[in-house]
């Protein structure tokens, strides 16, 4: 997903904003959906998109790690059938004296681990 947000430590990142690239993989058993071909037996991808959009376009965060964590938390809360989620947040426009495609973070969260914190 390519979504506009106002995340970063620098004041200009918060005021001007920029595009973020968001990848979300949700892990669950798909056997029932594969056999039935019934939408009711699979994940609702719209909920995944809406969770990412709500976080990225919502209140500003300093760190992409925090953005990724919030997306993961929302996906696991919204999709009760999800066993785990991988979230990658990429920031293509950074103020570094180098040629690069992006900086970013990738996290993996399992259901129930929030209870361990």
PDB file of N, CA and C in Angstrom:
ATOM      1  N   UNK A   1       0.843  -1.165   0.000  1.00  0.00           N
ATOM      2  CA  UNK A   1       0.000   0.000   0.000  1.00  0.00           C
ATOM      3  C   UNK A   1       0.894   1.234   0.000  1.00  0.00           C
ATOM      4  N   UNK A   2       0.475   2.240  -0.684  1.00  0.00           N
ATOM      5  CA  UNK A   2       1.162   3.533  -0.670  1.00  0.00           C
ATOM      6  C   UNK A   2       0.204   4.520  -0.016  1.00  0.00           C
ATOM      7  N   UNK A   3       0.589   5.000   1.174  1.00  0.00           N
ATOM      8  CA  UNK A   3      -0.281   5.874   1.952  1.00  0.00           C
ATOM      9  C   UNK A   3       0.480   7.115   2.406  1.00  0.00           C
ATOM     10  N   UNK A   4      -0.218   8.226   2.464  1.00  0.00           N
ATOM     11  CA  UNK A   4       0.377   9.476   2.899  1.00  0.00           C
ATOM     12  C   UNK A   4       0.264   9.593   4.409  1.00  0.00           C
ATOM     13  N   UNK A   5       1.369   9.997   5.058  1.00  0.00           N
ATOM     14  CA  UNK A   5       1.361  10.182   6.497  1.00  0.00           C
ATOM     15  C   UNK A   5       2.319  11.283   6.913  1.00  0.00           C
ATOM     16  N   UNK A   6       2.283  11.621   8.177  1.00  0.00           N
ATOM     17  CA  UNK A   6       3.111  12.696   8.733  1.00  0.00           C
ATOM     18  C   UNK A   6       3.947  12.161   9.889  1.00  0.00           C
ATOM     19  N   UNK A   7       4.735  11.154   9.609  1.00  0.00           N
ATOM     20  CA  UNK A   7       5.531  10.503  10.643  1.00  0.00           C
ATOM     21  C   UNK A   7       7.005  10.822  10.469  1.00  0.00           C
ATOM     22  N   UNK A   8       7.693  10.982  11.583  1.00  0.00           N
ATOM     23  CA  UNK A   8       9.121  11.242  11.564  1.00  0.00           C
ATOM     24  C   UNK A   8       9.512  12.109  12.739  1.00  0.00           C
ATOM     25  N   UNK A   9      10.792  12.189  12.966  1.00  0.00           N
ATOM     26  CA  UNK A   9      11.313  12.960  14.085  1.00  0.00           C
ATOM     27  C   UNK A   9      11.468  14.437  13.708  1.00  0.00           C
ATOM     28  N   UNK A  10      11.799  14.697  12.455  1.00  0.00           N
ATOM     29  CA  UNK A  10      12.039  16.076  12.021  1.00  0.00           C
ATOM     30  C   UNK A  10      10.735  16.855  11.876  1.00  0.00           C
ATOM     31  N   UNK A  11      10.731  18.124  12.264  1.00  0.00           N
ATOM     32  CA  UNK A  11       9.515  18.943  12.140  1.00  0.00           C
ATOM     33  C   UNK A  11       8.958  18.979  10.712  1.00  0.00           C
ATOM     34  N   UNK A  12       9.836  19.019   9.716  1.00  0.00           N
ATOM     35  CA  UNK A  12       9.372  19.061   8.324  1.00  0.00           C
ATOM     36  C   UNK A  12       8.619  17.793   7.944  1.00  0.00           C
ATOM     37  N   UNK A  13       9.021  16.650   8.495  1.00  0.00           N
ATOM     38  CA  UNK A  13       8.327  15.394   8.195  1.00  0.00           C
ATOM     39  C   UNK A  13       6.896  15.431   8.729  1.00  0.00           C
ATOM     40  N   UNK A  14       6.733  16.057   9.866  1.00  0.00           N
ATOM     41  CA  UNK A  14       5.399  16.151  10.467  1.00  0.00           C
ATOM     42  C   UNK A  14       4.530  17.194   9.764  1.00  0.00           C
ATOM     43  N   UNK A  15       5.123  18.293   9.333  1.00  0.00           N
ATOM     44  CA  UNK A  15       4.323  19.351   8.703  1.00  0.00           C
ATOM     45  C   UNK A  15       4.040  19.069   7.226  1.00  0.00           C
ATOM     46  N   UNK A  16       5.043  18.597   6.482  1.00  0.00           N
ATOM     47  CA  UNK A  16       4.863  18.353   5.055  1.00  0.00           C
ATOM     48  C   UNK A  16       4.284  16.981   4.764  1.00  0.00           C
ATOM     49  N   UNK A  17       4.674  15.998   5.558  1.00  0.00           N
ATOM     50  CA  UNK A  17       4.233  14.632   5.315  1.00  0.00           C
ATOM     51  C   UNK A  17       4.932  14.012   4.119  1.00  0.00           C
ATOM     52  N   UNK A  18       4.660  12.741   3.884  1.00  0.00           N
ATOM     53  CA  UNK A  18       5.263  12.023   2.763  1.00  0.00           C
ATOM     54  C   UNK A  18       4.551  10.690   2.558  1.00  0.00           C
ATOM     55  N   UNK A  19       4.893  10.030   1.474  1.00  0.00           N
ATOM     56  CA  UNK A  19       4.343   8.717   1.182  1.00  0.00           C
ATOM     57  C   UNK A  19       5.070   7.652   2.000  1.00  0.00           C
ATOM     58  N   UNK A  20       4.330   6.654   2.444  1.00  0.00           N
ATOM     59  CA  UNK A  20       4.885   5.484   3.112  1.00  0.00           C
ATOM     60  C   UNK A  20       4.430   4.261   2.342  1.00  0.00           C
ATOM     61  N   UNK A  21       5.301   3.277   2.248  1.00  0.00           N
ATOM     62  CA  UNK A  21       4.965   2.013   1.618  1.00  0.00           C
ATOM     63  C   UNK A  21       4.734   1.000   2.728  1.00  0.00           C
ATOM     64  N   UNK A  22       3.570   0.374   2.723  1.00  0.00           N
ATOM     65  CA  UNK A  22       3.178  -0.527   3.787  1.00  0.00           C
ATOM     66  C   UNK A  22       2.878  -1.901   3.195  1.00  0.00           C
ATOM     67  N   UNK A  23       3.545  -2.918   3.714  1.00  0.00           N
ATOM     68  CA  UNK A  23       3.249  -4.313   3.353  1.00  0.00           C
ATOM     69  C   UNK A  23       2.719  -5.001   4.596  1.00  0.00           C
ATOM     70  N   UNK A  24       1.620  -5.726   4.442  1.00  0.00           N
ATOM     71  CA  UNK A  24       1.048  -6.469   5.566  1.00  0.00           C
ATOM     72  C   UNK A  24       0.754  -7.887   5.100  1.00  0.00           C
ATOM     73  N   UNK A  25       1.326  -8.863   5.783  1.00  0.00           N
ATOM     74  CA  UNK A  25       1.012 -10.274   5.554  1.00  0.00           C
ATOM     75  C   UNK A  25       0.305 -10.784   6.791  1.00  0.00           C
ATOM     76  N   UNK A  26      -0.844 -11.396   6.591  1.00  0.00           N
ATOM     77  CA  UNK A  26      -1.611 -11.949   7.700  1.00  0.00           C
ATOM     78  C   UNK A  26      -1.591 -13.469   7.555  1.00  0.00           C
ATOM     79  N   UNK A  27      -1.258 -14.148   8.644  1.00  0.00           N
ATOM     80  CA  UNK A  27      -1.126 -15.599   8.629  1.00  0.00           C
ATOM     81  C   UNK A  27      -2.285 -16.244   9.374  1.00  0.00           C
ATOM     82  N   UNK A  28      -2.945 -17.172   8.694  1.00  0.00           N
ATOM     83  CA  UNK A  28      -4.066 -17.917   9.248  1.00  0.00           C
ATOM     84  C   UNK A  28      -4.215 -19.198   8.441  1.00  0.00           C
ATOM     85  N   UNK A  29      -4.995 -20.118   8.935  1.00  0.00           N
ATOM     86  CA  UNK A  29      -5.268 -21.336   8.174  1.00  0.00           C
ATOM     87  C   UNK A  29      -6.301 -21.012   7.099  1.00  0.00           C
ATOM     88  N   UNK A  30      -5.969 -21.293   5.860  1.00  0.00           N
ATOM     89  CA  UNK A  30      -6.870 -20.993   4.745  1.00  0.00           C
ATOM     90  C   UNK A  30      -7.524 -22.256   4.173  1.00  0.00           C
ATOM     91  N   UNK A  31      -7.348 -23.363   4.833  1.00  0.00           N
ATOM     92  CA  UNK A  31      -7.869 -24.637   4.318  1.00  0.00           C
ATOM     93  C   UNK A  31      -9.381 -24.585   4.082  1.00  0.00           C
ATOM     94  N   UNK A  32     -10.135 -24.080   5.061  1.00  0.00           N
ATOM     95  CA  UNK A  32     -11.598 -24.032   4.936  1.00  0.00           C
ATOM     96  C   UNK A  32     -12.023 -23.167   3.751  1.00  0.00           C
ATOM     97  N   UNK A  33     -11.414 -22.001   3.601  1.00  0.00           N
ATOM     98  CA  UNK A  33     -11.739 -21.119   2.476  1.00  0.00           C
ATOM     99  C   UNK A  33     -11.338 -21.759   1.149  1.00  0.00           C
ATOM    100  N   UNK A  34     -10.189 -22.430   1.143  1.00  0.00           N
ATOM    101  CA  UNK A  34      -9.740 -23.085  -0.084  1.00  0.00           C
ATOM    102  C   UNK A  34     -10.671 -24.179  -0.540  1.00  0.00           C
ATOM    103  N   UNK A  35     -11.262 -24.880   0.404  1.00  0.00           N
ATOM    104  CA  UNK A  35     -12.194 -25.965   0.055  1.00  0.00           C
ATOM    105  C   UNK A  35     -13.590 -25.453  -0.267  1.00  0.00           C
ATOM    106  N   UNK A  36     -14.032 -24.422   0.436  1.00  0.00           N
ATOM    107  CA  UNK A  36     -15.425 -23.978   0.288  1.00  0.00           C
ATOM    108  C   UNK A  36     -15.624 -22.915  -0.785  1.00  0.00           C
ATOM    109  N   UNK A  37     -14.595 -22.129  -1.092  1.00  0.00           N
ATOM    110  CA  UNK A  37     -14.716 -20.974  -1.991  1.00  0.00           C
ATOM    111  C   UNK A  37     -15.763 -19.994  -1.473  1.00  0.00           C
ATOM    112  N   UNK A  38     -15.852 -19.874  -0.148  1.00  0.00           N
ATOM    113  CA  UNK A  38     -16.839 -19.020   0.506  1.00  0.00           C
ATOM    114  C   UNK A  38     -16.120 -17.861   1.192  1.00  0.00           C
ATOM    115  N   UNK A  39     -16.510 -16.637   0.840  1.00  0.00           N
ATOM    116  CA  UNK A  39     -15.890 -15.436   1.404  1.00  0.00           C
ATOM    117  C   UNK A  39     -15.961 -15.408   2.929  1.00  0.00           C
ATOM    118  N   UNK A  40     -17.003 -15.976   3.494  1.00  0.00           N
ATOM    119  CA  UNK A  40     -17.161 -15.979   4.951  1.00  0.00           C
ATOM    120  C   UNK A  40     -16.077 -16.794   5.649  1.00  0.00           C
ATOM    121  N   UNK A  41     -15.327 -17.609   4.899  1.00  0.00           N
ATOM    122  CA  UNK A  41     -14.309 -18.482   5.480  1.00  0.00           C
ATOM    123  C   UNK A  41     -12.891 -17.948   5.309  1.00  0.00           C
ATOM    124  N   UNK A  42     -12.752 -16.710   4.902  1.00  0.00           N
ATOM    125  CA  UNK A  42     -11.411 -16.173   4.677  1.00  0.00           C
ATOM    126  C   UNK A  42     -11.243 -14.824   5.384  1.00  0.00           C
ATOM    127  N   UNK A  43     -10.058 -14.259   5.275  1.00  0.00           N
ATOM    128  CA  UNK A  43      -9.780 -12.946   5.846  1.00  0.00           C
ATOM    129  C   UNK A  43     -10.409 -11.856   4.993  1.00  0.00           C
ATOM    130  N   UNK A  44     -10.855 -10.815   5.634  1.00  0.00           N
ATOM    131  CA  UNK A  44     -11.393  -9.665   4.930  1.00  0.00           C
ATOM    132  C   UNK A  44     -10.238  -8.687   4.697  1.00  0.00           C
ATOM    133  N   UNK A  45      -9.731  -8.646   3.472  1.00  0.00           N
ATOM    134  CA  UNK A  45      -8.582  -7.807   3.154  1.00  0.00           C
ATOM    135  C   UNK A  45      -8.897  -6.322   3.294  1.00  0.00           C
ATOM    136  N   UNK A  46     -10.170  -5.967   3.173  1.00  0.00           N
ATOM    137  CA  UNK A  46     -10.561  -4.567   3.343  1.00  0.00           C
ATOM    138  C   UNK A  46     -10.224  -4.116   4.764  1.00  0.00           C
ATOM    139  N   UNK A  47     -10.431  -4.987   5.746  1.00  0.00           N
ATOM    140  CA  UNK A  47     -10.112  -4.641   7.136  1.00  0.00           C
ATOM    141  C   UNK A  47      -8.612  -4.419   7.315  1.00  0.00           C
ATOM    142  N   UNK A  48      -7.790  -5.171   6.589  1.00  0.00           N
ATOM    143  CA  UNK A  48      -6.340  -4.994   6.655  1.00  0.00           C
ATOM    144  C   UNK A  48      -5.973  -3.613   6.097  1.00  0.00           C
ATOM    145  N   UNK A  49      -6.527  -3.295   4.933  1.00  0.00           N
ATOM    146  CA  UNK A  49      -6.264  -1.991   4.331  1.00  0.00           C
ATOM    147  C   UNK A  49      -6.737  -0.862   5.245  1.00  0.00           C
ATOM    148  N   UNK A  50      -7.947  -0.984   5.779  1.00  0.00           N
ATOM    149  CA  UNK A  50      -8.491   0.077   6.627  1.00  0.00           C
ATOM    150  C   UNK A  50      -7.656   0.278   7.890  1.00  0.00           C
ATOM    151  N   UNK A  51      -7.139  -0.798   8.463  1.00  0.00           N
ATOM    152  CA  UNK A  51      -6.287  -0.674   9.649  1.00  0.00           C
ATOM    153  C   UNK A  51      -5.011   0.090   9.306  1.00  0.00           C
ATOM    154  N   UNK A  52      -4.355  -0.292   8.202  1.00  0.00           N
ATOM    155  CA  UNK A  52      -3.126   0.390   7.791  1.00  0.00           C
ATOM    156  C   UNK A  52      -3.409   1.856   7.467  1.00  0.00           C
ATOM    157  N   UNK A  53      -4.475   2.105   6.752  1.00  0.00           N
ATOM    158  CA  UNK A  53      -4.826   3.479   6.383  1.00  0.00           C
ATOM    159  C   UNK A  53      -5.120   4.330   7.618  1.00  0.00           C
ATOM    160  N   UNK A  54      -5.858   3.783   8.562  1.00  0.00           N
ATOM    161  CA  UNK A  54      -6.219   4.505   9.784  1.00  0.00           C
ATOM    162  C   UNK A  54      -4.964   4.914  10.563  1.00  0.00           C
ATOM    163  N   UNK A  55      -3.983   4.030  10.639  1.00  0.00           N
ATOM    164  CA  UNK A  55      -2.759   4.319  11.402  1.00  0.00           C
ATOM    165  C   UNK A  55      -1.857   5.286  10.641  1.00  0.00           C
ATOM    166  N   UNK A  56      -1.588   4.997   9.374  1.00  0.00           N
ATOM    167  CA  UNK A  56      -0.651   5.824   8.615  1.00  0.00           C
ATOM    168  C   UNK A  56      -1.200   7.233   8.399  1.00  0.00           C
ATOM    169  N   UNK A  57      -2.478   7.356   8.139  1.00  0.00           N
ATOM    170  CA  UNK A  57      -3.063   8.673   7.900  1.00  0.00           C
ATOM    171  C   UNK A  57      -3.545   9.341   9.185  1.00  0.00           C
ATOM    172  N   UNK A  58      -3.379   8.669  10.314  1.00  0.00           N
ATOM    173  CA  UNK A  58      -3.826   9.201  11.598  1.00  0.00           C
ATOM    174  C   UNK A  58      -2.769  10.057  12.268  1.00  0.00           C
ATOM    175  N   UNK A  59      -2.859  10.160  13.591  1.00  0.00           N
ATOM    176  CA  UNK A  59      -1.926  11.009  14.338  1.00  0.00           C
ATOM    177  C   UNK A  59      -0.461  10.651  14.091  1.00  0.00           C
ATOM    178  N   UNK A  60       0.370  11.662  14.100  1.00  0.00           N
ATOM    179  CA  UNK A  60       1.792  11.512  13.813  1.00  0.00           C
ATOM    180  C   UNK A  60       2.522  10.682  14.873  1.00  0.00           C
ATOM    181  N   UNK A  61       3.447   9.864  14.398  1.00  0.00           N
ATOM    182  CA  UNK A  61       4.357   9.102  15.259  1.00  0.00           C
ATOM    183  C   UNK A  61       5.779   9.540  14.904  1.00  0.00           C
ATOM    184  N   UNK A  62       6.683   9.435  15.831  1.00  0.00           N
ATOM    185  CA  UNK A  62       8.078   9.747  15.535  1.00  0.00           C
ATOM    186  C   UNK A  62       8.748   8.608  14.759  1.00  0.00           C
ATOM    187  N   UNK A  63       8.484   7.374  15.149  1.00  0.00           N
ATOM    188  CA  UNK A  63       9.229   6.234  14.632  1.00  0.00           C
ATOM    189  C   UNK A  63       8.394   5.334  13.726  1.00  0.00           C
ATOM    190  N   UNK A  64       9.004   4.834  12.654  1.00  0.00           N
ATOM    191  CA  UNK A  64       8.314   3.864  11.798  1.00  0.00           C
ATOM    192  C   UNK A  64       8.065   2.562  12.562  1.00  0.00           C
ATOM    193  N   UNK A  65       8.885   2.283  13.568  1.00  0.00           N
ATOM    194  CA  UNK A  65       8.658   1.100  14.402  1.00  0.00           C
ATOM    195  C   UNK A  65       7.305   1.196  15.110  1.00  0.00           C
ATOM    196  N   UNK A  66       6.984   2.403  15.570  1.00  0.00           N
ATOM    197  CA  UNK A  66       5.704   2.612  16.262  1.00  0.00           C
ATOM    198  C   UNK A  66       4.536   2.497  15.281  1.00  0.00           C
ATOM    199  N   UNK A  67       4.705   3.022  14.077  1.00  0.00           N
ATOM    200  CA  UNK A  67       3.672   2.892  13.041  1.00  0.00           C
ATOM    201  C   UNK A  67       3.421   1.410  12.763  1.00  0.00           C
ATOM    202  N   UNK A  68       4.489   0.644  12.561  1.00  0.00           N
ATOM    203  CA  UNK A  68       4.349  -0.788  12.281  1.00  0.00           C
ATOM    204  C   UNK A  68       3.657  -1.516  13.427  1.00  0.00           C
ATOM    205  N   UNK A  69       4.034  -1.210  14.660  1.00  0.00           N
ATOM    206  CA  UNK A  69       3.417  -1.857  15.821  1.00  0.00           C
ATOM    207  C   UNK A  69       1.931  -1.559  15.898  1.00  0.00           C
ATOM    208  N   UNK A  70       1.563  -0.331  15.653  1.00  0.00           N
ATOM    209  CA  UNK A  70       0.150   0.057  15.718  1.00  0.00           C
ATOM    210  C   UNK A  70      -0.658  -0.633  14.629  1.00  0.00           C
ATOM    211  N   UNK A  71      -0.080  -0.768  13.426  1.00  0.00           N
ATOM    212  CA  UNK A  71      -0.771  -1.492  12.348  1.00  0.00           C
ATOM    213  C   UNK A  71      -0.952  -2.959  12.749  1.00  0.00           C
ATOM    214  N   UNK A  72       0.105  -3.578  13.247  1.00  0.00           N
ATOM    215  CA  UNK A  72       0.022  -4.976  13.665  1.00  0.00           C
ATOM    216  C   UNK A  72      -1.034  -5.165  14.749  1.00  0.00           C
ATOM    217  N   UNK A  73      -1.039  -4.290  15.743  1.00  0.00           N
ATOM    218  CA  UNK A  73      -2.020  -4.382  16.821  1.00  0.00           C
ATOM    219  C   UNK A  73      -3.447  -4.282  16.290  1.00  0.00           C
ATOM    220  N   UNK A  74      -3.683  -3.327  15.390  1.00  0.00           N
ATOM    221  CA  UNK A  74      -5.031  -3.149  14.842  1.00  0.00           C
ATOM    222  C   UNK A  74      -5.461  -4.344  14.000  1.00  0.00           C
ATOM    223  N   UNK A  75      -4.560  -4.873  13.186  1.00  0.00           N
ATOM    224  CA  UNK A  75      -4.909  -6.031  12.353  1.00  0.00           C
ATOM    225  C   UNK A  75      -5.257  -7.221  13.234  1.00  0.00           C
ATOM    226  N   UNK A  76      -4.460  -7.488  14.252  1.00  0.00           N
ATOM    227  CA  UNK A  76      -4.745  -8.614  15.138  1.00  0.00           C
ATOM    228  C   UNK A  76      -6.032  -8.395  15.936  1.00  0.00           C
ATOM    229  N   UNK A  77      -6.354  -7.161  16.247  1.00  0.00           N
ATOM    230  CA  UNK A  77      -7.597  -6.859  16.967  1.00  0.00           C
ATOM    231  C   UNK A  77      -8.806  -7.014  16.046  1.00  0.00           C
ATOM    232  N   UNK A  78      -8.687  -6.545  14.809  1.00  0.00           N
ATOM    233  CA  UNK A  78      -9.811  -6.570  13.867  1.00  0.00           C
ATOM    234  C   UNK A  78     -10.073  -7.956  13.278  1.00  0.00           C
ATOM    235  N   UNK A  79      -9.021  -8.727  13.053  1.00  0.00           N
ATOM    236  CA  UNK A  79      -9.154 -10.036  12.407  1.00  0.00           C
ATOM    237  C   UNK A  79      -8.886 -11.128  13.434  1.00  0.00           C
ATOM    238  N   UNK A  80      -9.908 -11.540  14.118  1.00  0.00           N
ATOM    239  CA  UNK A  80      -9.737 -12.508  15.202  1.00  0.00           C
ATOM    240  C   UNK A  80      -9.219 -13.857  14.709  1.00  0.00           C
ATOM    241  N   UNK A  81      -9.409 -14.158  13.432  1.00  0.00           N
ATOM    242  CA  UNK A  81      -8.926 -15.422  12.879  1.00  0.00           C
ATOM    243  C   UNK A  81      -7.437 -15.378  12.513  1.00  0.00           C
ATOM    244  N   UNK A  82      -6.836 -14.204  12.550  1.00  0.00           N
ATOM    245  CA  UNK A  82      -5.408 -14.065  12.232  1.00  0.00           C
ATOM    246  C   UNK A  82      -4.562 -14.654  13.357  1.00  0.00           C
ATOM    247  N   UNK A  83      -3.592 -15.474  12.981  1.00  0.00           N
ATOM    248  CA  UNK A  83      -2.699 -16.079  13.966  1.00  0.00           C
ATOM    249  C   UNK A  83      -1.466 -15.212  14.207  1.00  0.00           C
ATOM    250  N   UNK A  84      -1.000 -14.574  13.135  1.00  0.00           N
ATOM    251  CA  UNK A  84       0.144 -13.673  13.248  1.00  0.00           C
ATOM    252  C   UNK A  84       0.107 -12.699  12.079  1.00  0.00           C
ATOM    253  N   UNK A  85       0.955 -11.667  12.189  1.00  0.00           N
ATOM    254  CA  UNK A  85       0.992 -10.643  11.153  1.00  0.00           C
ATOM    255  C   UNK A  85       2.432 -10.154  10.992  1.00  0.00           C
ATOM    256  N   UNK A  86       2.800  -9.884   9.746  1.00  0.00           N
ATOM    257  CA  UNK A  86       4.085  -9.269   9.427  1.00  0.00           C
ATOM    258  C   UNK A  86       3.767  -7.913   8.831  1.00  0.00           C
ATOM    259  N   UNK A  87       4.406  -6.871   9.356  1.00  0.00           N
ATOM    260  CA  UNK A  87       4.181  -5.513   8.857  1.00  0.00           C
ATOM    261  C   UNK A  87       5.529  -4.911   8.489  1.00  0.00           C
ATOM    262  N   UNK A  88       5.600  -4.382   7.284  1.00  0.00           N
ATOM    263  CA  UNK A  88       6.797  -3.690   6.816  1.00  0.00           C
ATOM    264  C   UNK A  88       6.395  -2.253   6.478  1.00  0.00           C
ATOM    265  N   UNK A  89       7.081  -1.299   7.097  1.00  0.00           N
ATOM    266  CA  UNK A  89       6.839   0.118   6.826  1.00  0.00           C
ATOM    267  C   UNK A  89       8.105   0.681   6.202  1.00  0.00           C
ATOM    268  N   UNK A  90       7.964   1.214   4.986  1.00  0.00           N
ATOM    269  CA  UNK A  90       9.093   1.790   4.261  1.00  0.00           C
ATOM    270  C   UNK A  90       8.860   3.283   4.069  1.00  0.00           C
ATOM    271  N   UNK A  91       9.926   4.025   4.273  1.00  0.00           N
ATOM    272  CA  UNK A  91       9.889   5.482   4.148  1.00  0.00           C
ATOM    273  C   UNK A  91      10.828   5.847   3.001  1.00  0.00           C
ATOM    274  N   UNK A  92      10.278   6.140   1.813  1.00  0.00           N
ATOM    275  CA  UNK A  92      11.133   6.369   0.638  1.00  0.00           C
ATOM    276  C   UNK A  92      11.916   7.683   0.650  1.00  0.00           C
ATOM    277  N   UNK A  93      11.422   8.684   1.336  1.00  0.00           N
ATOM    278  CA  UNK A  93      12.064   9.999   1.285  1.00  0.00           C
ATOM    279  C   UNK A  93      12.661  10.337   2.644  1.00  0.00           C
ATOM    280  N   UNK A  94      13.963  10.172   2.733  1.00  0.00           N
ATOM    281  CA  UNK A  94      14.651  10.459   3.994  1.00  0.00           C
ATOM    282  C   UNK A  94      15.790  11.436   3.747  1.00  0.00           C
ATOM    283  N   UNK A  95      16.108  12.190   4.768  1.00  0.00           N
ATOM    284  CA  UNK A  95      17.171  13.194   4.676  1.00  0.00           C
ATOM    285  C   UNK A  95      18.508  12.557   5.039  1.00  0.00           C
ATOM    286  N   UNK A  96      19.052  11.794   4.112  1.00  0.00           N
ATOM    287  CA  UNK A  96      20.365  11.176   4.297  1.00  0.00           C
ATOM    288  C   UNK A  96      21.241  11.505   3.096  1.00  0.00           C
ATOM    289  N   UNK A  97      22.536  11.697   3.305  1.00  0.00           N
ATOM    290  CA  UNK A  97      23.431  12.022   2.193  1.00  0.00           C
ATOM    291  C   UNK A  97      23.833  10.753   1.433  1.00  0.00           C
ATOM    292  N   UNK A  98      22.820  10.033   0.917  1.00  0.00           N
ATOM    293  CA  UNK A  98      23.085   8.782   0.207  1.00  0.00           C
ATOM    294  C   UNK A  98      21.967   8.520  -0.788  1.00  0.00           C
ATOM    295  N   UNK A  99      22.257   7.685  -1.771  1.00  0.00           N
ATOM    296  CA  UNK A  99      21.239   7.243  -2.712  1.00  0.00           C
ATOM    297  C   UNK A  99      20.677   5.936  -2.172  1.00  0.00           C
ATOM    298  N   UNK A 100      19.376   5.943  -1.883  1.00  0.00           N
ATOM    299  CA  UNK A 100      18.731   4.744  -1.372  1.00  0.00           C
ATOM    300  C   UNK A 100      17.271   4.726  -1.799  1.00  0.00           C
ATOM    301  N   UNK A 101      16.693   3.539  -1.803  1.00  0.00           N
ATOM    302  CA  UNK A 101      15.284   3.414  -2.179  1.00  0.00           C
ATOM    303  C   UNK A 101      14.363   3.790  -1.025  1.00  0.00           C
ATOM    304  N   UNK A 102      14.766   3.447   0.187  1.00  0.00           N
ATOM    305  CA  UNK A 102      13.946   3.717   1.358  1.00  0.00           C
ATOM    306  C   UNK A 102      14.711   3.321   2.618  1.00  0.00           C
ATOM    307  N   UNK A 103      14.207   3.739   3.749  1.00  0.00           N
ATOM    308  CA  UNK A 103      14.576   3.158   5.039  1.00  0.00           C
ATOM    309  C   UNK A 103      13.281   2.569   5.590  1.00  0.00           C
ATOM    310  N   UNK A 104      13.416   1.579   6.432  1.00  0.00           N
ATOM    311  CA  UNK A 104      12.190   0.983   6.935  1.00  0.00           C
ATOM    312  C   UNK A 104      12.431  -0.027   8.020  1.00  0.00           C
ATOM    313  N   UNK A 105      11.339  -0.628   8.429  1.00  0.00           N
ATOM    314  CA  UNK A 105      11.360  -1.629   9.481  1.00  0.00           C
ATOM    315  C   UNK A 105      10.361  -2.723   9.123  1.00  0.00           C
ATOM    316  N   UNK A 106      10.684  -3.929   9.528  1.00  0.00           N
ATOM    317  CA  UNK A 106       9.785  -5.063   9.353  1.00  0.00           C
ATOM    318  C   UNK A 106       9.623  -5.746  10.705  1.00  0.00           C
ATOM    319  N   UNK A 107       8.374  -5.967  11.100  1.00  0.00           N
ATOM    320  CA  UNK A 107       8.111  -6.638  12.366  1.00  0.00           C
ATOM    321  C   UNK A 107       7.202  -7.834  12.135  1.00  0.00           C
ATOM    322  N   UNK A 108       7.233  -8.774  13.052  1.00  0.00           N
ATOM    323  CA  UNK A 108       6.377  -9.948  13.028  1.00  0.00           C
ATOM    324  C   UNK A 108       5.760 -10.054  14.416  1.00  0.00           C
ATOM    325  N   UNK A 109       4.443 -10.120  14.475  1.00  0.00           N
ATOM    326  CA  UNK A 109       3.762 -10.224  15.759  1.00  0.00           C
ATOM    327  C   UNK A 109       2.796 -11.411  15.736  1.00  0.00           C
ATOM    328  N   UNK A 110       2.786 -12.171  16.824  1.00  0.00           N
ATOM    329  CA  UNK A 110       1.896 -13.317  16.982  1.00  0.00           C
ATOM    330  C   UNK A 110       0.767 -12.968  17.933  1.00  0.00           C
ATOM    331  N   UNK A 111      -0.373 -13.567  17.692  1.00  0.00           N
ATOM    332  CA  UNK A 111      -1.522 -13.378  18.583  1.00  0.00           C
ATOM    333  C   UNK A 111      -1.136 -13.853  19.997  1.00  0.00           C
ATOM    334  N   UNK A 112      -1.512 -13.099  20.978  1.00  0.00           N
ATOM    335  CA  UNK A 112      -1.256 -13.483  22.357  1.00  0.00           C
ATOM    336  C   UNK A 112       0.037 -12.940  22.925  1.00  0.00           C
ATOM    337  N   UNK A 113       0.963 -12.504  22.070  1.00  0.00           N
ATOM    338  CA  UNK A 113       2.235 -12.009  22.610  1.00  0.00           C
ATOM    339  C   UNK A 113       2.068 -10.687  23.329  1.00  0.00           C
ATOM    340  N   UNK A 114       0.996  -9.937  23.013  1.00  0.00           N
ATOM    341  CA  UNK A 114       0.782  -8.667  23.714  1.00  0.00           C
ATOM    342  C   UNK A 114       0.544  -8.906  25.203  1.00  0.00           C
ATOM    343  N   UNK A 115       0.064 -10.100  25.548  1.00  0.00           N
ATOM    344  CA  UNK A 115      -0.128 -10.434  26.954  1.00  0.00           C
ATOM    345  C   UNK A 115       1.197 -10.632  27.670  1.00  0.00           C
ATOM    346  N   UNK A 116       2.274 -10.898  26.920  1.00  0.00           N
ATOM    347  CA  UNK A 116       3.587 -11.160  27.512  1.00  0.00           C
ATOM    348  C   UNK A 116       4.343  -9.871  27.821  1.00  0.00           C
ATOM    349  N   UNK A 117       3.862  -8.736  27.317  1.00  0.00           N
ATOM    350  CA  UNK A 117       4.569  -7.470  27.533  1.00  0.00           C
ATOM    351  C   UNK A 117       4.371  -6.932  28.916  1.00  0.00           C
TER     352      UNK A 117
END
